[in-house]
Amino acid sequence: NRRFPVTWWIRRPDQLDYLSEPDLFHDLFGHVPLL
């Protein structure tokens, strides 16, 4: 239905280099521009 889910919360400073699940940065920065 052309709705892209974006996680509202962002990782903590100690998780800058790795997070095991999608957060706001991954979803918004990574996915959205190509839409």
ModelCIF file with pLDDT and N, C-alpha, C, O atoms, coordinates in Angstrom:
data_MODEL
#
_entry.id   MODEL 
#
_entity.id                         1 
_entity.type                       polymer 
_entity.pdbx_number_of_molecules   1 
#
_entity_poly.entity_id                      1 
_entity_poly.type                           'polypeptide(L)' 
_entity_poly.nstd_linkage                   no 
_entity_poly.nstd_monomer                   no 
_entity_poly.pdbx_seq_one_letter_code       NRRFPVTWWIRRPDQLDYLSEPDLFHDLFGHVPLL 
_entity_poly.pdbx_seq_one_letter_code_can   NRRFPVTWWIRRPDQLDYLSEPDLFHDLFGHVPLL 
_entity_poly.pdbx_strand_id                 A 
#
loop_
_entity_poly_seq.entity_id 
_entity_poly_seq.num 
_entity_poly_seq.mon_id 
_entity_poly_seq.hetero 
1 1  ASN n 
1 2  ARG n 
1 3  ARG n 
1 4  PHE n 
1 5  PRO n 
1 6  VAL n 
1 7  THR n 
1 8  TRP n 
1 9  TRP n 
1 10 ILE n 
1 11 ARG n 
1 12 ARG n 
1 13 PRO n 
1 14 ASP n 
1 15 GLN n 
1 16 LEU n 
1 17 ASP n 
1 18 TYR n 
1 19 LEU n 
1 20 SER n 
1 21 GLU n 
1 22 PRO n 
1 23 ASP n 
1 24 LEU n 
1 25 PHE n 
1 26 HIS n 
1 27 ASP n 
1 28 LEU n 
1 29 PHE n 
1 30 GLY n 
1 31 HIS n 
1 32 VAL n 
1 33 PRO n 
1 34 LEU n 
1 35 LEU n 
#
_struct_asym.id          A 
_struct_asym.entity_id   1 
#
loop_
_ma_qa_metric.id 
_ma_qa_metric.mode 
_ma_qa_metric.name 
_ma_qa_metric.software_group_id 
_ma_qa_metric.type 
1 global pLDDT . pLDDT 
2 local  pLDDT . pLDDT 
#
_ma_qa_metric_global.metric_id      1 
_ma_qa_metric_global.metric_value   94.74 
_ma_qa_metric_global.model_id       1 
_ma_qa_metric_global.ordinal_id     1 
#
loop_
_ma_qa_metric_local.label_asym_id 
_ma_qa_metric_local.label_comp_id 
_ma_qa_metric_local.label_seq_id 
_ma_qa_metric_local.metric_id 
_ma_qa_metric_local.metric_value 
_ma_qa_metric_local.model_id 
_ma_qa_metric_local.ordinal_id 
A ASN 1  2 98.00 1 1  
A ARG 2  2 98.00 1 2  
A ARG 3  2 98.00 1 3  
A PHE 4  2 98.00 1 4  
A PRO 5  2 98.00 1 5  
A VAL 6  2 98.00 1 6  
A THR 7  2 98.00 1 7  
A TRP 8  2 98.00 1 8  
A TRP 9  2 98.00 1 9  
A ILE 10 2 97.00 1 10 
A ARG 11 2 96.00 1 11 
A ARG 12 2 96.00 1 12 
A PRO 13 2 96.00 1 13 
A ASP 14 2 94.00 1 14 
A GLN 15 2 93.00 1 15 
A LEU 16 2 90.00 1 16 
A ASP 17 2 86.00 1 17 
A TYR 18 2 83.00 1 18 
A LEU 19 2 83.00 1 19 
A SER 20 2 79.00 1 20 
A GLU 21 2 87.00 1 21 
A PRO 22 2 91.00 1 22 
A ASP 23 2 96.00 1 23 
A LEU 24 2 97.00 1 24 
A PHE 25 2 97.00 1 25 
A HIS 26 2 96.00 1 26 
A ASP 27 2 97.00 1 27 
A LEU 28 2 97.00 1 28 
A PHE 29 2 97.00 1 29 
A GLY 30 2 97.00 1 30 
A HIS 31 2 97.00 1 31 
A VAL 32 2 98.00 1 32 
A PRO 33 2 98.00 1 33 
A LEU 34 2 98.00 1 34 
A LEU 35 2 98.00 1 35 
#
loop_
_atom_site.group_PDB 
_atom_site.id 
_atom_site.type_symbol 
_atom_site.label_atom_id 
_atom_site.label_alt_id 
_atom_site.label_comp_id 
_atom_site.label_asym_id 
_atom_site.label_entity_id 
_atom_site.label_seq_id 
_atom_site.pdbx_PDB_ins_code 
_atom_site.Cartn_x 
_atom_site.Cartn_y 
_atom_site.Cartn_z 
_atom_site.occupancy 
_atom_site.B_iso_or_equiv 
_atom_site.pdbx_formal_charge 
_atom_site.auth_seq_id 
_atom_site.auth_comp_id 
_atom_site.auth_asym_id 
_atom_site.auth_atom_id 
_atom_site.pdbx_PDB_model_num 
ATOM 1   N N  . ASN A 1 1  ? 0.821  -1.214 0.000  1.00 98.00 ? 1  ASN A N  1 
ATOM 2   C CA . ASN A 1 1  ? 0.000  0.000  0.000  1.00 98.00 ? 1  ASN A CA 1 
ATOM 3   C C  . ASN A 1 1  ? 0.858  1.270  0.000  1.00 98.00 ? 1  ASN A C  1 
ATOM 4   O O  . ASN A 1 1  ? 0.389  2.348  0.366  1.00 98.00 ? 1  ASN A O  1 
ATOM 5   N N  . ARG A 1 2  ? 2.101  1.129  -0.409 1.00 98.00 ? 2  ARG A N  1 
ATOM 6   C CA . ARG A 1 2  ? 3.044  2.247  -0.561 1.00 98.00 ? 2  ARG A CA 1 
ATOM 7   C C  . ARG A 1 2  ? 3.239  3.016  0.754  1.00 98.00 ? 2  ARG A C  1 
ATOM 8   O O  . ARG A 1 2  ? 3.313  4.245  0.776  1.00 98.00 ? 2  ARG A O  1 
ATOM 9   N N  . ARG A 1 3  ? 3.318  2.253  1.836  1.00 98.00 ? 3  ARG A N  1 
ATOM 10  C CA . ARG A 1 3  ? 3.668  2.811  3.139  1.00 98.00 ? 3  ARG A CA 1 
ATOM 11  C C  . ARG A 1 3  ? 4.983  2.192  3.583  1.00 98.00 ? 3  ARG A C  1 
ATOM 12  O O  . ARG A 1 3  ? 5.095  0.970  3.676  1.00 98.00 ? 3  ARG A O  1 
ATOM 13  N N  . PHE A 1 4  ? 5.982  3.030  3.859  1.00 98.00 ? 4  PHE A N  1 
ATOM 14  C CA . PHE A 1 4  ? 7.260  2.461  4.299  1.00 98.00 ? 4  PHE A CA 1 
ATOM 15  C C  . PHE A 1 4  ? 7.420  2.662  5.802  1.00 98.00 ? 4  PHE A C  1 
ATOM 16  O O  . PHE A 1 4  ? 7.425  3.795  6.282  1.00 98.00 ? 4  PHE A O  1 
ATOM 17  N N  . PRO A 1 5  ? 7.552  1.547  6.555  1.00 98.00 ? 5  PRO A N  1 
ATOM 18  C CA . PRO A 1 5  ? 7.682  1.648  8.009  1.00 98.00 ? 5  PRO A CA 1 
ATOM 19  C C  . PRO A 1 5  ? 9.085  2.123  8.405  1.00 98.00 ? 5  PRO A C  1 
ATOM 20  O O  . PRO A 1 5  ? 10.087 1.572  7.948  1.00 98.00 ? 5  PRO A O  1 
ATOM 21  N N  . VAL A 1 6  ? 9.145  3.135  9.245  1.00 98.00 ? 6  VAL A N  1 
ATOM 22  C CA . VAL A 1 6  ? 10.407 3.656  9.757  1.00 98.00 ? 6  VAL A CA 1 
ATOM 23  C C  . VAL A 1 6  ? 10.379 3.590  11.282 1.00 98.00 ? 6  VAL A C  1 
ATOM 24  O O  . VAL A 1 6  ? 9.482  4.145  11.916 1.00 98.00 ? 6  VAL A O  1 
ATOM 25  N N  . THR A 1 7  ? 11.351 2.920  11.858 1.00 98.00 ? 7  THR A N  1 
ATOM 26  C CA . THR A 1 7  ? 11.468 2.845  13.312 1.00 98.00 ? 7  THR A CA 1 
ATOM 27  C C  . THR A 1 7  ? 11.679 4.248  13.873 1.00 98.00 ? 7  THR A C  1 
ATOM 28  O O  . THR A 1 7  ? 12.542 4.981  13.389 1.00 98.00 ? 7  THR A O  1 
ATOM 29  N N  . TRP A 1 8  ? 10.908 4.628  14.881 1.00 98.00 ? 8  TRP A N  1 
ATOM 30  C CA . TRP A 1 8  ? 10.961 6.022  15.356 1.00 98.00 ? 8  TRP A CA 1 
ATOM 31  C C  . TRP A 1 8  ? 12.209 6.322  16.170 1.00 98.00 ? 8  TRP A C  1 
ATOM 32  O O  . TRP A 1 8  ? 12.644 7.473  16.217 1.00 98.00 ? 8  TRP A O  1 
ATOM 33  N N  . TRP A 1 9  ? 12.809 5.298  16.826 1.00 98.00 ? 9  TRP A N  1 
ATOM 34  C CA . TRP A 1 9  ? 13.938 5.556  17.719 1.00 98.00 ? 9  TRP A CA 1 
ATOM 35  C C  . TRP A 1 9  ? 15.274 5.312  17.022 1.00 98.00 ? 9  TRP A C  1 
ATOM 36  O O  . TRP A 1 9  ? 15.363 4.537  16.069 1.00 98.00 ? 9  TRP A O  1 
ATOM 37  N N  . ILE A 1 10 ? 16.308 5.988  17.517 1.00 97.00 ? 10 ILE A N  1 
ATOM 38  C CA . ILE A 1 10 ? 17.642 5.897  16.930 1.00 97.00 ? 10 ILE A CA 1 
ATOM 39  C C  . ILE A 1 10 ? 18.587 5.221  17.920 1.00 97.00 ? 10 ILE A C  1 
ATOM 40  O O  . ILE A 1 10 ? 18.381 5.282  19.132 1.00 97.00 ? 10 ILE A O  1 
ATOM 41  N N  . ARG A 1 11 ? 19.598 4.592  17.403 1.00 96.00 ? 11 ARG A N  1 
ATOM 42  C CA . ARG A 1 11 ? 20.550 3.850  18.239 1.00 96.00 ? 11 ARG A CA 1 
ATOM 43  C C  . ARG A 1 11 ? 21.258 4.757  19.258 1.00 96.00 ? 11 ARG A C  1 
ATOM 44  O O  . ARG A 1 11 ? 21.266 5.980  19.117 1.00 96.00 ? 11 ARG A O  1 
ATOM 45  N N  . ARG A 1 12 ? 21.838 4.145  20.265 1.00 96.00 ? 12 ARG A N  1 
ATOM 46  C CA . ARG A 1 12 ? 22.594 4.870  21.282 1.00 96.00 ? 12 ARG A CA 1 
ATOM 47  C C  . ARG A 1 12 ? 24.016 5.160  20.780 1.00 96.00 ? 12 ARG A C  1 
ATOM 48  O O  . ARG A 1 12 ? 24.463 4.540  19.816 1.00 96.00 ? 12 ARG A O  1 
ATOM 49  N N  . PRO A 1 13 ? 24.725 6.090  21.420 1.00 96.00 ? 13 PRO A N  1 
ATOM 50  C CA . PRO A 1 13 ? 26.102 6.387  20.985 1.00 96.00 ? 13 PRO A CA 1 
ATOM 51  C C  . PRO A 1 13 ? 27.022 5.178  21.001 1.00 96.00 ? 13 PRO A C  1 
ATOM 52  O O  . PRO A 1 13 ? 27.927 5.089  20.171 1.00 96.00 ? 13 PRO A O  1 
ATOM 53  N N  . ASP A 1 14 ? 26.813 4.234  21.933 1.00 94.00 ? 14 ASP A N  1 
ATOM 54  C CA . ASP A 1 14 ? 27.679 3.050  21.985 1.00 94.00 ? 14 ASP A CA 1 
ATOM 55  C C  . ASP A 1 14 ? 27.330 2.034  20.902 1.00 94.00 ? 14 ASP A C  1 
ATOM 56  O O  . ASP A 1 14 ? 27.986 0.998  20.795 1.00 94.00 ? 14 ASP A O  1 
ATOM 57  N N  . GLN A 1 15 ? 26.301 2.319  20.093 1.00 93.00 ? 15 GLN A N  1 
ATOM 58  C CA . GLN A 1 15 ? 25.898 1.409  19.019 1.00 93.00 ? 15 GLN A CA 1 
ATOM 59  C C  . GLN A 1 15 ? 26.170 2.005  17.629 1.00 93.00 ? 15 GLN A C  1 
ATOM 60  O O  . GLN A 1 15 ? 25.608 1.542  16.637 1.00 93.00 ? 15 GLN A O  1 
ATOM 61  N N  . LEU A 1 16 ? 27.017 3.016  17.557 1.00 90.00 ? 16 LEU A N  1 
ATOM 62  C CA . LEU A 1 16 ? 27.245 3.699  16.284 1.00 90.00 ? 16 LEU A CA 1 
ATOM 63  C C  . LEU A 1 16 ? 27.667 2.749  15.172 1.00 90.00 ? 16 LEU A C  1 
ATOM 64  O O  . LEU A 1 16 ? 27.210 2.876  14.036 1.00 90.00 ? 16 LEU A O  1 
ATOM 65  N N  . ASP A 1 17 ? 28.537 1.799  15.495 1.00 86.00 ? 17 ASP A N  1 
ATOM 66  C CA . ASP A 1 17 ? 29.109 0.960  14.451 1.00 86.00 ? 17 ASP A CA 1 
ATOM 67  C C  . ASP A 1 17 ? 28.332 -0.321 14.190 1.00 86.00 ? 17 ASP A C  1 
ATOM 68  O O  . ASP A 1 17 ? 28.528 -0.953 13.151 1.00 86.00 ? 17 ASP A O  1 
ATOM 69  N N  . TYR A 1 18 ? 27.460 -0.717 15.098 1.00 83.00 ? 18 TYR A N  1 
ATOM 70  C CA . TYR A 1 18 ? 26.706 -1.947 14.847 1.00 83.00 ? 18 TYR A CA 1 
ATOM 71  C C  . TYR A 1 18 ? 25.444 -1.984 15.695 1.00 83.00 ? 18 TYR A C  1 
ATOM 72  O O  . TYR A 1 18 ? 25.460 -1.662 16.883 1.00 83.00 ? 18 TYR A O  1 
ATOM 73  N N  . LEU A 1 19 ? 24.361 -2.383 15.060 1.00 83.00 ? 19 LEU A N  1 
ATOM 74  C CA . LEU A 1 19 ? 23.091 -2.618 15.734 1.00 83.00 ? 19 LEU A CA 1 
ATOM 75  C C  . LEU A 1 19 ? 22.470 -3.836 15.069 1.00 83.00 ? 19 LEU A C  1 
ATOM 76  O O  . LEU A 1 19 ? 22.482 -3.950 13.844 1.00 83.00 ? 19 LEU A O  1 
ATOM 77  N N  . SER A 1 20 ? 21.928 -4.745 15.870 1.00 79.00 ? 20 SER A N  1 
ATOM 78  C CA . SER A 1 20 ? 21.449 -6.013 15.323 1.00 79.00 ? 20 SER A CA 1 
ATOM 79  C C  . SER A 1 20 ? 20.097 -5.911 14.645 1.00 79.00 ? 20 SER A C  1 
ATOM 80  O O  . SER A 1 20 ? 19.629 -6.884 14.054 1.00 79.00 ? 20 SER A O  1 
ATOM 81  N N  . GLU A 1 21 ? 19.455 -4.739 14.720 1.00 87.00 ? 21 GLU A N  1 
ATOM 82  C CA . GLU A 1 21 ? 18.118 -4.591 14.142 1.00 87.00 ? 21 GLU A CA 1 
ATOM 83  C C  . GLU A 1 21 ? 17.985 -3.194 13.545 1.00 87.00 ? 21 GLU A C  1 
ATOM 84  O O  . GLU A 1 21 ? 18.781 -2.308 13.856 1.00 87.00 ? 21 GLU A O  1 
ATOM 85  N N  . PRO A 1 22 ? 16.986 -2.992 12.691 1.00 91.00 ? 22 PRO A N  1 
ATOM 86  C CA . PRO A 1 22 ? 16.817 -1.678 12.062 1.00 91.00 ? 22 PRO A CA 1 
ATOM 87  C C  . PRO A 1 22 ? 16.434 -0.608 13.087 1.00 91.00 ? 22 PRO A C  1 
ATOM 88  O O  . PRO A 1 22 ? 15.624 -0.849 13.981 1.00 91.00 ? 22 PRO A O  1 
ATOM 89  N N  . ASP A 1 23 ? 17.027 0.570  12.942 1.00 96.00 ? 23 ASP A N  1 
ATOM 90  C CA . ASP A 1 23 ? 16.619 1.727  13.729 1.00 96.00 ? 23 ASP A CA 1 
ATOM 91  C C  . ASP A 1 23 ? 16.293 2.861  12.770 1.00 96.00 ? 23 ASP A C  1 
ATOM 92  O O  . ASP A 1 23 ? 16.267 2.659  11.556 1.00 96.00 ? 23 ASP A O  1 
ATOM 93  N N  . LEU A 1 24 ? 16.043 4.059  13.308 1.00 97.00 ? 24 LEU A N  1 
ATOM 94  C CA . LEU A 1 24 ? 15.671 5.193  12.476 1.00 97.00 ? 24 LEU A CA 1 
ATOM 95  C C  . LEU A 1 24 ? 16.737 5.502  11.429 1.00 97.00 ? 24 LEU A C  1 
ATOM 96  O O  . LEU A 1 24 ? 16.409 5.809  10.283 1.00 97.00 ? 24 LEU A O  1 
ATOM 97  N N  . PHE A 1 25 ? 18.008 5.424  11.813 1.00 97.00 ? 25 PHE A N  1 
ATOM 98  C CA . PHE A 1 25 ? 19.046 5.771  10.845 1.00 97.00 ? 25 PHE A CA 1 
ATOM 99  C C  . PHE A 1 25 ? 19.060 4.787  9.681  1.00 97.00 ? 25 PHE A C  1 
ATOM 100 O O  . PHE A 1 25 ? 19.103 5.195  8.520  1.00 97.00 ? 25 PHE A O  1 
ATOM 101 N N  . HIS A 1 26 ? 19.025 3.507  9.985  1.00 96.00 ? 26 HIS A N  1 
ATOM 102 C CA . HIS A 1 26 ? 19.007 2.511  8.905  1.00 96.00 ? 26 HIS A CA 1 
ATOM 103 C C  . HIS A 1 26 ? 17.793 2.698  8.010  1.00 96.00 ? 26 HIS A C  1 
ATOM 104 O O  . HIS A 1 26 ? 17.919 2.722  6.785  1.00 96.00 ? 26 HIS A O  1 
ATOM 105 N N  . ASP A 1 27 ? 16.630 2.829  8.609  1.00 97.00 ? 27 ASP A N  1 
ATOM 106 C CA . ASP A 1 27 ? 15.401 2.904  7.820  1.00 97.00 ? 27 ASP A CA 1 
ATOM 107 C C  . ASP A 1 27 ? 15.322 4.185  6.999  1.00 97.00 ? 27 ASP A C  1 
ATOM 108 O O  . ASP A 1 27 ? 15.012 4.148  5.808  1.00 97.00 ? 27 ASP A O  1 
ATOM 109 N N  . LEU A 1 28 ? 15.602 5.317  7.636  1.00 97.00 ? 28 LEU A N  1 
ATOM 110 C CA . LEU A 1 28 ? 15.395 6.605  6.979  1.00 97.00 ? 28 LEU A CA 1 
ATOM 111 C C  . LEU A 1 28 ? 16.538 6.949  6.044  1.00 97.00 ? 28 LEU A C  1 
ATOM 112 O O  . LEU A 1 28 ? 16.308 7.279  4.881  1.00 97.00 ? 28 LEU A O  1 
ATOM 113 N N  . PHE A 1 29 ? 17.748 6.879  6.527  1.00 97.00 ? 29 PHE A N  1 
ATOM 114 C CA . PHE A 1 29 ? 18.906 7.192  5.697  1.00 97.00 ? 29 PHE A CA 1 
ATOM 115 C C  . PHE A 1 29 ? 19.101 6.152  4.607  1.00 97.00 ? 29 PHE A C  1 
ATOM 116 O O  . PHE A 1 29 ? 19.379 6.493  3.457  1.00 97.00 ? 29 PHE A O  1 
ATOM 117 N N  . GLY A 1 30 ? 18.956 4.871  4.972  1.00 97.00 ? 30 GLY A N  1 
ATOM 118 C CA . GLY A 1 30 ? 19.287 3.801  4.045  1.00 97.00 ? 30 GLY A CA 1 
ATOM 119 C C  . GLY A 1 30 ? 18.227 3.501  3.009  1.00 97.00 ? 30 GLY A C  1 
ATOM 120 O O  . GLY A 1 30 ? 18.553 3.295  1.840  1.00 97.00 ? 30 GLY A O  1 
ATOM 121 N N  . HIS A 1 31 ? 16.956 3.470  3.411  1.00 97.00 ? 31 HIS A N  1 
ATOM 122 C CA . HIS A 1 31 ? 15.889 3.010  2.521  1.00 97.00 ? 31 HIS A CA 1 
ATOM 123 C C  . HIS A 1 31 ? 15.189 4.114  1.743  1.00 97.00 ? 31 HIS A C  1 
ATOM 124 O O  . HIS A 1 31 ? 14.867 3.939  0.568  1.00 97.00 ? 31 HIS A O  1 
ATOM 125 N N  . VAL A 1 32 ? 14.955 5.237  2.383  1.00 98.00 ? 32 VAL A N  1 
ATOM 126 C CA . VAL A 1 32 ? 13.971 6.183  1.864  1.00 98.00 ? 32 VAL A CA 1 
ATOM 127 C C  . VAL A 1 32 ? 14.388 6.917  0.590  1.00 98.00 ? 32 VAL A C  1 
ATOM 128 O O  . VAL A 1 32 ? 13.533 7.130  -0.269 1.00 98.00 ? 32 VAL A O  1 
ATOM 129 N N  . PRO A 1 33 ? 15.653 7.318  0.416  1.00 98.00 ? 33 PRO A N  1 
ATOM 130 C CA . PRO A 1 33 ? 15.986 8.089  -0.796 1.00 98.00 ? 33 PRO A CA 1 
ATOM 131 C C  . PRO A 1 33 ? 15.592 7.415  -2.105 1.00 98.00 ? 33 PRO A C  1 
ATOM 132 O O  . PRO A 1 33 ? 15.151 8.103  -3.026 1.00 98.00 ? 33 PRO A O  1 
ATOM 133 N N  . LEU A 1 34 ? 15.734 6.101  -2.222 1.00 98.00 ? 34 LEU A N  1 
ATOM 134 C CA . LEU A 1 34 ? 15.397 5.440  -3.484 1.00 98.00 ? 34 LEU A CA 1 
ATOM 135 C C  . LEU A 1 34 ? 13.897 5.337  -3.714 1.00 98.00 ? 34 LEU A C  1 
ATOM 136 O O  . LEU A 1 34 ? 13.461 5.047  -4.828 1.00 98.00 ? 34 LEU A O  1 
ATOM 137 N N  . LEU A 1 35 ? 13.101 5.572  -2.672 1.00 98.00 ? 35 LEU A N  1 
ATOM 138 C CA . LEU A 1 35 ? 11.650 5.594  -2.881 1.00 98.00 ? 35 LEU A CA 1 
ATOM 139 C C  . LEU A 1 35 ? 11.217 6.816  -3.672 1.00 98.00 ? 35 LEU A C  1 
ATOM 140 O O  . LEU A 1 35 ? 10.027 6.990  -3.936 1.00 98.00 ? 35 LEU A O  1 
#
